Amino acid sequence: MTALRAAALVAVLALAAGCQSDDTTDDPAAAPATTAPAADASTGPTGSVEPFAASSTPSASTPAVTAANTAEVCGEVDRLILAGSKKLAADSAEATRDKETTPDELNDRLKRTIAGLAGDVRKQAARAEDPEIEKLITDVAKQLDGGAKAASPAKWLGETFVDIPPKLARDCHA
């Protein structure tokens, strides 16, 4: 089952690398003032991670959003997704190093992380003032719920999770 672990790690690392924009920095001191306080690893993926799509501008096919907190909410969802990606990669890497971790234990760990991420994303959906943004983020939380319930969360990460950041980059912005 080492291939399962390796596949999960590769998928998540690729996703995490693809989420960062050119102006991203890993320095928490450089995080915007709207960054939520970091939580410890047991409460789910949060923290001051730079967004990858918060600075996106609407295209001709995407209407401008006027809600006051859209940029803040979308930026926080971006940070949550990136932090979640990093946590999933760390979980996979740790399980790969720990030869005694079984595939079932890794699956359980990945499912817990994905479920925590879904809850954090759902909280941001509830904050959204724009109904379209609220629906978009709620739909992302539902997708994450599916990953937390997947028989193979590693497979789900490579097939479904990887589509979430581009969707947010395209549709979640002010």
N, C-alpha and C. Protein backbone atom coordinates (compact mmCIF):
# COMPACT_ATOMS: atom_id res chain seq x y z
N MET A 1 0.81 -1.20 0.00
CA MET A 1 0.00 0.00 0.00
C MET A 1 0.85 1.27 0.00
N THR A 2 2.15 1.13 -0.13
CA THR A 2 3.01 2.29 -0.22
C THR A 2 2.67 3.13 -1.44
N ALA A 3 2.21 2.51 -2.50
CA ALA A 3 1.82 3.25 -3.70
C ALA A 3 0.65 4.18 -3.40
N LEU A 4 -0.29 3.73 -2.58
CA LEU A 4 -1.42 4.57 -2.19
C LEU A 4 -0.92 5.80 -1.45
N ARG A 5 -0.03 5.60 -0.52
CA ARG A 5 0.52 6.73 0.22
C ARG A 5 1.27 7.69 -0.69
N ALA A 6 2.08 7.14 -1.55
CA ALA A 6 2.85 7.97 -2.47
C ALA A 6 1.94 8.74 -3.41
N ALA A 7 0.89 8.09 -3.90
CA ALA A 7 -0.05 8.77 -4.80
C ALA A 7 -0.74 9.91 -4.08
N ALA A 8 -1.14 9.69 -2.84
CA ALA A 8 -1.79 10.75 -2.06
C ALA A 8 -0.84 11.92 -1.86
N LEU A 9 0.38 11.62 -1.51
CA LEU A 9 1.36 12.66 -1.28
C LEU A 9 1.63 13.46 -2.55
N VAL A 10 1.84 12.78 -3.66
CA VAL A 10 2.13 13.46 -4.92
C VAL A 10 0.96 14.35 -5.33
N ALA A 11 -0.27 13.83 -5.22
CA ALA A 11 -1.45 14.61 -5.61
C ALA A 11 -1.58 15.86 -4.76
N VAL A 12 -1.40 15.72 -3.47
CA VAL A 12 -1.58 16.85 -2.58
C VAL A 12 -0.44 17.86 -2.74
N LEU A 13 0.78 17.38 -2.89
CA LEU A 13 1.90 18.30 -3.08
C LEU A 13 1.76 19.07 -4.38
N ALA A 14 1.30 18.39 -5.43
CA ALA A 14 1.09 19.08 -6.70
C ALA A 14 0.02 20.14 -6.56
N LEU A 15 -1.03 19.80 -5.84
CA LEU A 15 -2.10 20.76 -5.62
C LEU A 15 -1.60 21.94 -4.81
N ALA A 16 -0.90 21.68 -3.74
CA ALA A 16 -0.41 22.76 -2.90
C ALA A 16 0.52 23.68 -3.67
N ALA A 17 1.37 23.11 -4.50
CA ALA A 17 2.28 23.93 -5.29
C ALA A 17 1.52 24.76 -6.31
N GLY A 18 0.47 24.21 -6.87
CA GLY A 18 -0.31 24.92 -7.88
C GLY A 18 -1.19 26.00 -7.31
N CYS A 19 -1.44 25.99 -6.01
CA CYS A 19 -2.34 26.95 -5.39
C CYS A 19 -1.69 28.29 -5.13
N GLN A 20 -0.39 28.35 -5.08
CA GLN A 20 0.26 29.60 -4.72
C GLN A 20 0.45 30.48 -5.93
N SER A 21 0.12 31.76 -5.77
CA SER A 21 0.32 32.71 -6.85
C SER A 21 1.76 33.20 -6.84
N ASP A 22 2.14 33.94 -7.88
CA ASP A 22 3.50 34.41 -7.99
C ASP A 22 3.90 35.35 -6.86
N ASP A 23 2.92 36.08 -6.28
CA ASP A 23 3.24 37.02 -5.23
C ASP A 23 3.05 36.43 -3.84
N THR A 24 2.99 35.12 -3.75
CA THR A 24 2.77 34.44 -2.48
C THR A 24 4.07 34.35 -1.71
N THR A 25 3.94 34.48 -0.41
CA THR A 25 5.08 34.30 0.47
C THR A 25 4.65 33.40 1.61
N ASP A 26 5.56 32.64 2.14
CA ASP A 26 5.25 31.75 3.25
C ASP A 26 5.47 32.44 4.59
N ASP A 27 5.81 33.72 4.58
CA ASP A 27 6.05 34.45 5.80
C ASP A 27 4.73 34.84 6.45
N PRO A 28 4.37 34.24 7.62
CA PRO A 28 3.11 34.58 8.27
C PRO A 28 3.01 36.06 8.62
N ALA A 29 4.14 36.73 8.82
CA ALA A 29 4.11 38.15 9.15
C ALA A 29 3.62 38.98 7.97
N ALA A 30 3.73 38.42 6.75
CA ALA A 30 3.31 39.14 5.56
C ALA A 30 1.85 38.89 5.22
N ALA A 31 1.15 38.13 6.04
CA ALA A 31 -0.25 37.81 5.78
C ALA A 31 -1.09 39.06 5.93
N PRO A 32 -2.20 39.16 5.17
CA PRO A 32 -3.06 40.33 5.25
C PRO A 32 -3.73 40.42 6.63
N ALA A 33 -4.17 41.62 6.95
CA ALA A 33 -4.77 41.86 8.27
C ALA A 33 -6.03 41.06 8.50
N THR A 34 -6.68 40.56 7.44
CA THR A 34 -7.92 39.82 7.61
C THR A 34 -7.69 38.34 7.88
N THR A 35 -6.45 37.92 8.03
CA THR A 35 -6.16 36.52 8.27
C THR A 35 -6.73 36.09 9.62
N ALA A 36 -7.38 34.94 9.62
CA ALA A 36 -7.94 34.40 10.86
C ALA A 36 -6.81 33.89 11.74
N PRO A 37 -7.02 33.85 13.05
CA PRO A 37 -5.98 33.32 13.91
C PRO A 37 -5.75 31.84 13.64
N ALA A 38 -4.51 31.43 13.78
CA ALA A 38 -4.16 30.04 13.53
C ALA A 38 -4.73 29.16 14.63
N ALA A 39 -5.15 27.97 14.23
CA ALA A 39 -5.63 26.99 15.21
C ALA A 39 -4.60 25.89 15.28
N ASP A 40 -4.65 25.13 16.35
CA ASP A 40 -3.71 24.03 16.42
C ASP A 40 -4.16 22.92 15.49
N ALA A 41 -3.29 21.98 15.21
CA ALA A 41 -3.56 20.95 14.21
C ALA A 41 -4.76 20.09 14.57
N SER A 42 -5.14 20.01 15.84
CA SER A 42 -6.26 19.16 16.22
C SER A 42 -7.60 19.78 15.91
N THR A 43 -7.67 21.08 15.62
CA THR A 43 -8.95 21.71 15.37
C THR A 43 -9.25 21.86 13.90
N GLY A 44 -8.35 21.51 13.04
CA GLY A 44 -8.61 21.60 11.61
C GLY A 44 -7.65 22.56 10.95
N PRO A 45 -7.71 22.58 9.64
CA PRO A 45 -6.75 23.38 8.88
C PRO A 45 -7.16 24.84 8.84
N THR A 46 -6.43 25.67 9.57
CA THR A 46 -6.59 27.11 9.48
C THR A 46 -5.22 27.72 9.63
N GLY A 47 -5.12 28.98 9.49
CA GLY A 47 -3.85 29.63 9.70
C GLY A 47 -3.63 30.76 8.74
N SER A 48 -2.51 31.39 8.86
CA SER A 48 -2.21 32.55 8.03
C SER A 48 -1.41 32.12 6.83
N VAL A 49 -2.07 31.63 5.85
CA VAL A 49 -1.46 31.22 4.60
C VAL A 49 -1.97 32.16 3.53
N GLU A 50 -1.10 32.64 2.68
CA GLU A 50 -1.50 33.59 1.65
C GLU A 50 -2.50 32.98 0.68
N PRO A 51 -3.46 33.75 0.21
CA PRO A 51 -4.46 33.26 -0.75
C PRO A 51 -3.86 33.08 -2.13
N PHE A 52 -4.47 32.21 -2.94
CA PHE A 52 -3.98 32.04 -4.30
C PHE A 52 -4.91 32.67 -5.30
N ALA A 53 -6.12 33.06 -4.92
CA ALA A 53 -7.05 33.63 -5.89
C ALA A 53 -7.73 34.90 -5.41
N ALA A 54 -7.44 35.36 -4.24
CA ALA A 54 -8.16 36.50 -3.70
C ALA A 54 -7.96 37.74 -4.54
N SER A 55 -6.87 37.82 -5.27
CA SER A 55 -6.63 39.01 -6.08
C SER A 55 -7.09 38.85 -7.51
N SER A 56 -7.82 37.78 -7.80
CA SER A 56 -8.33 37.57 -9.15
C SER A 56 -9.27 38.69 -9.53
N THR A 57 -9.28 39.00 -10.81
CA THR A 57 -10.21 40.01 -11.29
C THR A 57 -11.25 39.34 -12.15
N PRO A 58 -12.48 39.90 -12.17
CA PRO A 58 -13.53 39.27 -12.96
C PRO A 58 -13.21 39.32 -14.45
N SER A 59 -13.54 38.27 -15.14
CA SER A 59 -13.36 38.25 -16.59
C SER A 59 -14.66 38.72 -17.23
N ALA A 60 -14.67 38.84 -18.53
CA ALA A 60 -15.87 39.28 -19.24
C ALA A 60 -17.03 38.34 -18.99
N SER A 61 -16.75 37.06 -18.78
CA SER A 61 -17.82 36.09 -18.56
C SER A 61 -18.22 35.96 -17.10
N THR A 62 -17.50 36.62 -16.20
CA THR A 62 -17.79 36.54 -14.78
C THR A 62 -18.26 37.90 -14.30
N PRO A 63 -19.49 38.00 -13.78
CA PRO A 63 -19.97 39.30 -13.33
C PRO A 63 -19.22 39.77 -12.08
N ALA A 64 -19.11 41.08 -11.95
CA ALA A 64 -18.46 41.64 -10.77
C ALA A 64 -19.36 41.40 -9.56
N VAL A 65 -18.73 41.12 -8.42
CA VAL A 65 -19.45 40.88 -7.19
C VAL A 65 -19.40 42.16 -6.37
N THR A 66 -20.52 42.52 -5.75
CA THR A 66 -20.55 43.79 -5.05
C THR A 66 -20.61 43.68 -3.54
N ALA A 67 -20.77 42.49 -2.99
CA ALA A 67 -20.89 42.34 -1.54
C ALA A 67 -19.62 42.83 -0.86
N ALA A 68 -19.80 43.47 0.27
CA ALA A 68 -18.69 44.11 0.98
C ALA A 68 -17.62 43.13 1.43
N ASN A 69 -18.00 41.92 1.83
CA ASN A 69 -16.99 41.03 2.40
C ASN A 69 -16.56 39.90 1.46
N THR A 70 -16.87 39.98 0.19
CA THR A 70 -16.55 38.91 -0.74
C THR A 70 -15.04 38.67 -0.82
N ALA A 71 -14.26 39.72 -0.96
CA ALA A 71 -12.80 39.54 -1.06
C ALA A 71 -12.26 38.89 0.21
N GLU A 72 -12.75 39.31 1.36
CA GLU A 72 -12.29 38.75 2.62
C GLU A 72 -12.67 37.26 2.73
N VAL A 73 -13.92 36.94 2.42
CA VAL A 73 -14.38 35.56 2.53
C VAL A 73 -13.66 34.67 1.53
N CYS A 74 -13.57 35.12 0.29
CA CYS A 74 -12.88 34.31 -0.73
C CYS A 74 -11.41 34.13 -0.38
N GLY A 75 -10.78 35.18 0.10
CA GLY A 75 -9.38 35.08 0.52
C GLY A 75 -9.19 34.08 1.64
N GLU A 76 -10.12 34.08 2.59
CA GLU A 76 -10.02 33.13 3.70
C GLU A 76 -10.24 31.70 3.22
N VAL A 77 -11.17 31.50 2.30
CA VAL A 77 -11.38 30.15 1.75
C VAL A 77 -10.13 29.70 1.01
N ASP A 78 -9.52 30.59 0.26
CA ASP A 78 -8.26 30.25 -0.42
C ASP A 78 -7.21 29.82 0.59
N ARG A 79 -7.08 30.57 1.67
CA ARG A 79 -6.08 30.24 2.70
C ARG A 79 -6.41 28.89 3.34
N LEU A 80 -7.68 28.64 3.59
CA LEU A 80 -8.08 27.36 4.18
C LEU A 80 -7.75 26.19 3.26
N ILE A 81 -8.06 26.33 1.98
CA ILE A 81 -7.78 25.26 1.02
C ILE A 81 -6.27 25.00 0.93
N LEU A 82 -5.49 26.06 0.90
CA LEU A 82 -4.03 25.89 0.82
C LEU A 82 -3.50 25.26 2.11
N ALA A 83 -3.97 25.74 3.25
CA ALA A 83 -3.53 25.16 4.52
C ALA A 83 -3.96 23.70 4.62
N GLY A 84 -5.18 23.40 4.15
CA GLY A 84 -5.66 22.02 4.15
C GLY A 84 -4.81 21.14 3.26
N SER A 85 -4.42 21.67 2.11
CA SER A 85 -3.55 20.92 1.19
C SER A 85 -2.22 20.59 1.86
N LYS A 86 -1.67 21.56 2.54
CA LYS A 86 -0.40 21.34 3.23
C LYS A 86 -0.56 20.31 4.35
N LYS A 87 -1.67 20.37 5.08
CA LYS A 87 -1.92 19.41 6.16
C LYS A 87 -2.08 18.01 5.58
N LEU A 88 -2.81 17.88 4.48
CA LEU A 88 -2.98 16.57 3.84
C LEU A 88 -1.64 16.02 3.37
N ALA A 89 -0.81 16.89 2.81
CA ALA A 89 0.53 16.45 2.38
C ALA A 89 1.36 16.02 3.57
N ALA A 90 1.28 16.77 4.67
CA ALA A 90 2.04 16.40 5.87
C ALA A 90 1.54 15.08 6.44
N ASP A 91 0.22 14.88 6.47
CA ASP A 91 -0.34 13.61 6.95
C ASP A 91 0.19 12.45 6.11
N SER A 92 0.17 12.62 4.79
CA SER A 92 0.63 11.56 3.89
C SER A 92 2.12 11.29 4.06
N ALA A 93 2.89 12.37 4.17
CA ALA A 93 4.35 12.20 4.34
C ALA A 93 4.66 11.50 5.66
N GLU A 94 3.97 11.88 6.71
CA GLU A 94 4.19 11.25 8.01
C GLU A 94 3.84 9.77 7.96
N ALA A 95 2.73 9.45 7.30
CA ALA A 95 2.32 8.04 7.20
C ALA A 95 3.32 7.25 6.37
N THR A 96 3.92 7.88 5.37
CA THR A 96 4.91 7.21 4.53
C THR A 96 6.17 6.92 5.32
N ARG A 97 6.57 7.86 6.17
CA ARG A 97 7.77 7.67 7.00
C ARG A 97 7.52 6.62 8.08
N ASP A 98 6.30 6.60 8.61
CA ASP A 98 5.95 5.68 9.68
C ASP A 98 5.51 4.35 9.07
N LYS A 99 6.40 3.41 9.04
CA LYS A 99 6.14 2.12 8.39
C LYS A 99 5.01 1.34 9.06
N GLU A 100 4.65 1.72 10.29
CA GLU A 100 3.61 0.99 11.01
C GLU A 100 2.21 1.54 10.74
N THR A 101 2.10 2.66 10.05
CA THR A 101 0.79 3.22 9.72
C THR A 101 0.15 2.35 8.63
N THR A 102 -1.05 1.90 8.91
CA THR A 102 -1.76 1.07 7.93
C THR A 102 -2.51 1.96 6.95
N PRO A 103 -2.88 1.42 5.79
CA PRO A 103 -3.68 2.19 4.84
C PRO A 103 -4.98 2.70 5.45
N ASP A 104 -5.60 1.88 6.30
CA ASP A 104 -6.84 2.31 6.95
C ASP A 104 -6.59 3.49 7.88
N GLU A 105 -5.48 3.47 8.59
CA GLU A 105 -5.14 4.60 9.47
C GLU A 105 -4.89 5.86 8.66
N LEU A 106 -4.20 5.73 7.54
CA LEU A 106 -3.97 6.89 6.68
C LEU A 106 -5.29 7.41 6.14
N ASN A 107 -6.15 6.52 5.67
CA ASN A 107 -7.46 6.95 5.16
C ASN A 107 -8.23 7.69 6.24
N ASP A 108 -8.23 7.17 7.45
CA ASP A 108 -8.94 7.84 8.55
C ASP A 108 -8.37 9.23 8.82
N ARG A 109 -7.04 9.34 8.80
CA ARG A 109 -6.39 10.62 9.04
C ARG A 109 -6.75 11.62 7.93
N LEU A 110 -6.71 11.17 6.68
CA LEU A 110 -7.06 12.05 5.57
C LEU A 110 -8.53 12.47 5.66
N LYS A 111 -9.41 11.53 5.99
CA LYS A 111 -10.83 11.84 6.12
C LYS A 111 -11.09 12.88 7.20
N ARG A 112 -10.40 12.75 8.33
CA ARG A 112 -10.58 13.73 9.42
C ARG A 112 -10.12 15.12 8.98
N THR A 113 -9.00 15.17 8.29
CA THR A 113 -8.48 16.45 7.82
C THR A 113 -9.45 17.08 6.81
N ILE A 114 -9.94 16.28 5.88
CA ILE A 114 -10.88 16.79 4.87
C ILE A 114 -12.18 17.24 5.54
N ALA A 115 -12.66 16.48 6.52
CA ALA A 115 -13.89 16.86 7.24
C ALA A 115 -13.70 18.17 7.99
N GLY A 116 -12.55 18.35 8.63
CA GLY A 116 -12.26 19.61 9.31
C GLY A 116 -12.22 20.77 8.34
N LEU A 117 -11.62 20.54 7.19
CA LEU A 117 -11.55 21.56 6.15
C LEU A 117 -12.96 21.92 5.68
N ALA A 118 -13.81 20.92 5.49
CA ALA A 118 -15.19 21.17 5.07
C ALA A 118 -15.91 22.05 6.08
N GLY A 119 -15.73 21.77 7.35
CA GLY A 119 -16.37 22.58 8.39
C GLY A 119 -15.87 24.02 8.38
N ASP A 120 -14.57 24.19 8.22
CA ASP A 120 -14.00 25.54 8.17
C ASP A 120 -14.51 26.31 6.95
N VAL A 121 -14.59 25.64 5.80
CA VAL A 121 -15.09 26.28 4.58
C VAL A 121 -16.56 26.64 4.75
N ARG A 122 -17.33 25.75 5.36
CA ARG A 122 -18.76 26.01 5.59
C ARG A 122 -18.97 27.26 6.45
N LYS A 123 -18.10 27.46 7.43
CA LYS A 123 -18.18 28.67 8.27
C LYS A 123 -17.99 29.93 7.43
N GLN A 124 -17.10 29.85 6.46
CA GLN A 124 -16.88 31.01 5.59
C GLN A 124 -18.10 31.24 4.68
N ALA A 125 -18.73 30.18 4.23
CA ALA A 125 -19.93 30.32 3.41
C ALA A 125 -21.00 31.07 4.19
N ALA A 126 -21.13 30.76 5.47
CA ALA A 126 -22.13 31.42 6.31
C ALA A 126 -21.84 32.91 6.49
N ARG A 127 -20.60 33.29 6.37
CA ARG A 127 -20.21 34.71 6.49
C ARG A 127 -20.46 35.50 5.23
N ALA A 128 -20.53 34.83 4.09
CA ALA A 128 -20.63 35.52 2.80
C ALA A 128 -21.92 36.34 2.71
N GLU A 129 -21.78 37.58 2.32
CA GLU A 129 -22.94 38.47 2.15
C GLU A 129 -23.57 38.32 0.77
N ASP A 130 -22.78 37.92 -0.21
CA ASP A 130 -23.29 37.73 -1.57
C ASP A 130 -23.85 36.31 -1.69
N PRO A 131 -25.12 36.16 -2.07
CA PRO A 131 -25.73 34.83 -2.14
C PRO A 131 -25.04 33.89 -3.14
N GLU A 132 -24.52 34.43 -4.22
CA GLU A 132 -23.82 33.58 -5.20
C GLU A 132 -22.52 33.05 -4.62
N ILE A 133 -21.81 33.89 -3.90
CA ILE A 133 -20.56 33.45 -3.27
C ILE A 133 -20.87 32.45 -2.17
N GLU A 134 -21.93 32.70 -1.40
CA GLU A 134 -22.33 31.75 -0.36
C GLU A 134 -22.62 30.39 -0.96
N LYS A 135 -23.35 30.36 -2.08
CA LYS A 135 -23.67 29.09 -2.74
C LYS A 135 -22.40 28.41 -3.25
N LEU A 136 -21.52 29.16 -3.89
CA LEU A 136 -20.27 28.61 -4.40
C LEU A 136 -19.47 27.95 -3.27
N ILE A 137 -19.32 28.66 -2.16
CA ILE A 137 -18.51 28.13 -1.06
C ILE A 137 -19.22 26.96 -0.37
N THR A 138 -20.54 27.03 -0.28
CA THR A 138 -21.31 25.91 0.28
C THR A 138 -21.13 24.67 -0.59
N ASP A 139 -21.14 24.86 -1.91
CA ASP A 139 -20.93 23.73 -2.82
C ASP A 139 -19.53 23.13 -2.63
N VAL A 140 -18.53 23.97 -2.41
CA VAL A 140 -17.17 23.48 -2.15
C VAL A 140 -17.16 22.66 -0.85
N ALA A 141 -17.85 23.15 0.18
CA ALA A 141 -17.92 22.41 1.45
C ALA A 141 -18.59 21.05 1.23
N LYS A 142 -19.61 21.00 0.38
CA LYS A 142 -20.29 19.73 0.09
C LYS A 142 -19.34 18.78 -0.65
N GLN A 143 -18.53 19.32 -1.55
CA GLN A 143 -17.55 18.48 -2.23
C GLN A 143 -16.56 17.91 -1.22
N LEU A 144 -16.13 18.74 -0.29
CA LEU A 144 -15.21 18.28 0.74
C LEU A 144 -15.86 17.22 1.62
N ASP A 145 -17.15 17.39 1.92
CA ASP A 145 -17.88 16.36 2.67
C ASP A 145 -17.79 15.02 1.94
N GLY A 146 -17.92 15.07 0.62
CA GLY A 146 -17.81 13.85 -0.18
C GLY A 146 -16.44 13.20 -0.03
N GLY A 147 -15.41 14.02 0.01
CA GLY A 147 -14.06 13.49 0.20
C GLY A 147 -13.87 12.86 1.57
N ALA A 148 -14.51 13.46 2.58
CA ALA A 148 -14.40 12.92 3.94
C ALA A 148 -15.13 11.59 4.06
N LYS A 149 -16.06 11.33 3.16
CA LYS A 149 -16.83 10.08 3.19
C LYS A 149 -16.35 9.08 2.13
N ALA A 150 -15.40 9.47 1.31
CA ALA A 150 -14.93 8.62 0.22
C ALA A 150 -14.26 7.35 0.75
N ALA A 151 -14.47 6.26 0.04
CA ALA A 151 -13.81 5.00 0.40
C ALA A 151 -12.29 5.16 0.31
N SER A 152 -11.85 5.90 -0.70
CA SER A 152 -10.42 6.15 -0.89
C SER A 152 -10.20 7.66 -0.97
N PRO A 153 -9.91 8.30 0.17
CA PRO A 153 -9.70 9.75 0.13
C PRO A 153 -8.50 10.15 -0.74
N ALA A 154 -7.50 9.30 -0.84
CA ALA A 154 -6.35 9.61 -1.69
C ALA A 154 -6.79 9.69 -3.15
N LYS A 155 -7.61 8.77 -3.57
CA LYS A 155 -8.13 8.80 -4.94
C LYS A 155 -8.99 10.05 -5.13
N TRP A 156 -9.85 10.36 -4.16
CA TRP A 156 -10.71 11.54 -4.24
C TRP A 156 -9.86 12.80 -4.37
N LEU A 157 -8.75 12.87 -3.63
CA LEU A 157 -7.88 14.04 -3.71
C LEU A 157 -7.38 14.26 -5.14
N GLY A 158 -6.98 13.18 -5.78
CA GLY A 158 -6.45 13.29 -7.14
C GLY A 158 -7.50 13.51 -8.21
N GLU A 159 -8.73 13.13 -7.93
CA GLU A 159 -9.79 13.25 -8.94
C GLU A 159 -10.70 14.45 -8.74
N THR A 160 -10.98 14.82 -7.50
CA THR A 160 -11.97 15.87 -7.23
C THR A 160 -11.36 17.09 -6.57
N PHE A 161 -10.56 16.87 -5.54
CA PHE A 161 -10.00 17.98 -4.78
C PHE A 161 -9.18 18.90 -5.68
N VAL A 162 -8.47 18.34 -6.62
CA VAL A 162 -7.62 19.14 -7.50
C VAL A 162 -8.41 20.13 -8.35
N ASP A 163 -9.72 19.90 -8.52
CA ASP A 163 -10.55 20.81 -9.30
C ASP A 163 -11.07 21.99 -8.48
N ILE A 164 -10.98 21.92 -7.16
CA ILE A 164 -11.54 22.96 -6.30
C ILE A 164 -10.77 24.28 -6.42
N PRO A 165 -9.43 24.31 -6.30
CA PRO A 165 -8.73 25.60 -6.39
C PRO A 165 -8.96 26.36 -7.71
N PRO A 166 -8.92 25.69 -8.86
CA PRO A 166 -9.19 26.46 -10.09
C PRO A 166 -10.61 27.02 -10.12
N LYS A 167 -11.56 26.26 -9.60
CA LYS A 167 -12.96 26.73 -9.54
C LYS A 167 -13.04 27.98 -8.67
N LEU A 168 -12.41 27.94 -7.52
CA LEU A 168 -12.42 29.11 -6.63
C LEU A 168 -11.69 30.30 -7.28
N ALA A 169 -10.58 30.04 -7.92
CA ALA A 169 -9.82 31.11 -8.57
C ALA A 169 -10.66 31.78 -9.65
N ARG A 170 -11.45 30.99 -10.33
CA ARG A 170 -12.28 31.50 -11.42
C ARG A 170 -13.53 32.23 -10.91
N ASP A 171 -14.16 31.70 -9.87
CA ASP A 171 -15.50 32.16 -9.50
C ASP A 171 -15.61 32.90 -8.17
N CYS A 172 -14.62 32.82 -7.32
CA CYS A 172 -14.73 33.42 -5.99
C CYS A 172 -13.80 34.64 -5.89
N HIS A 173 -14.35 35.79 -6.19
CA HIS A 173 -13.56 37.03 -6.11
C HIS A 173 -14.48 38.22 -6.10
N ALA A 174 -13.92 39.34 -5.73
CA ALA A 174 -14.70 40.59 -5.70
C ALA A 174 -14.36 41.42 -6.92
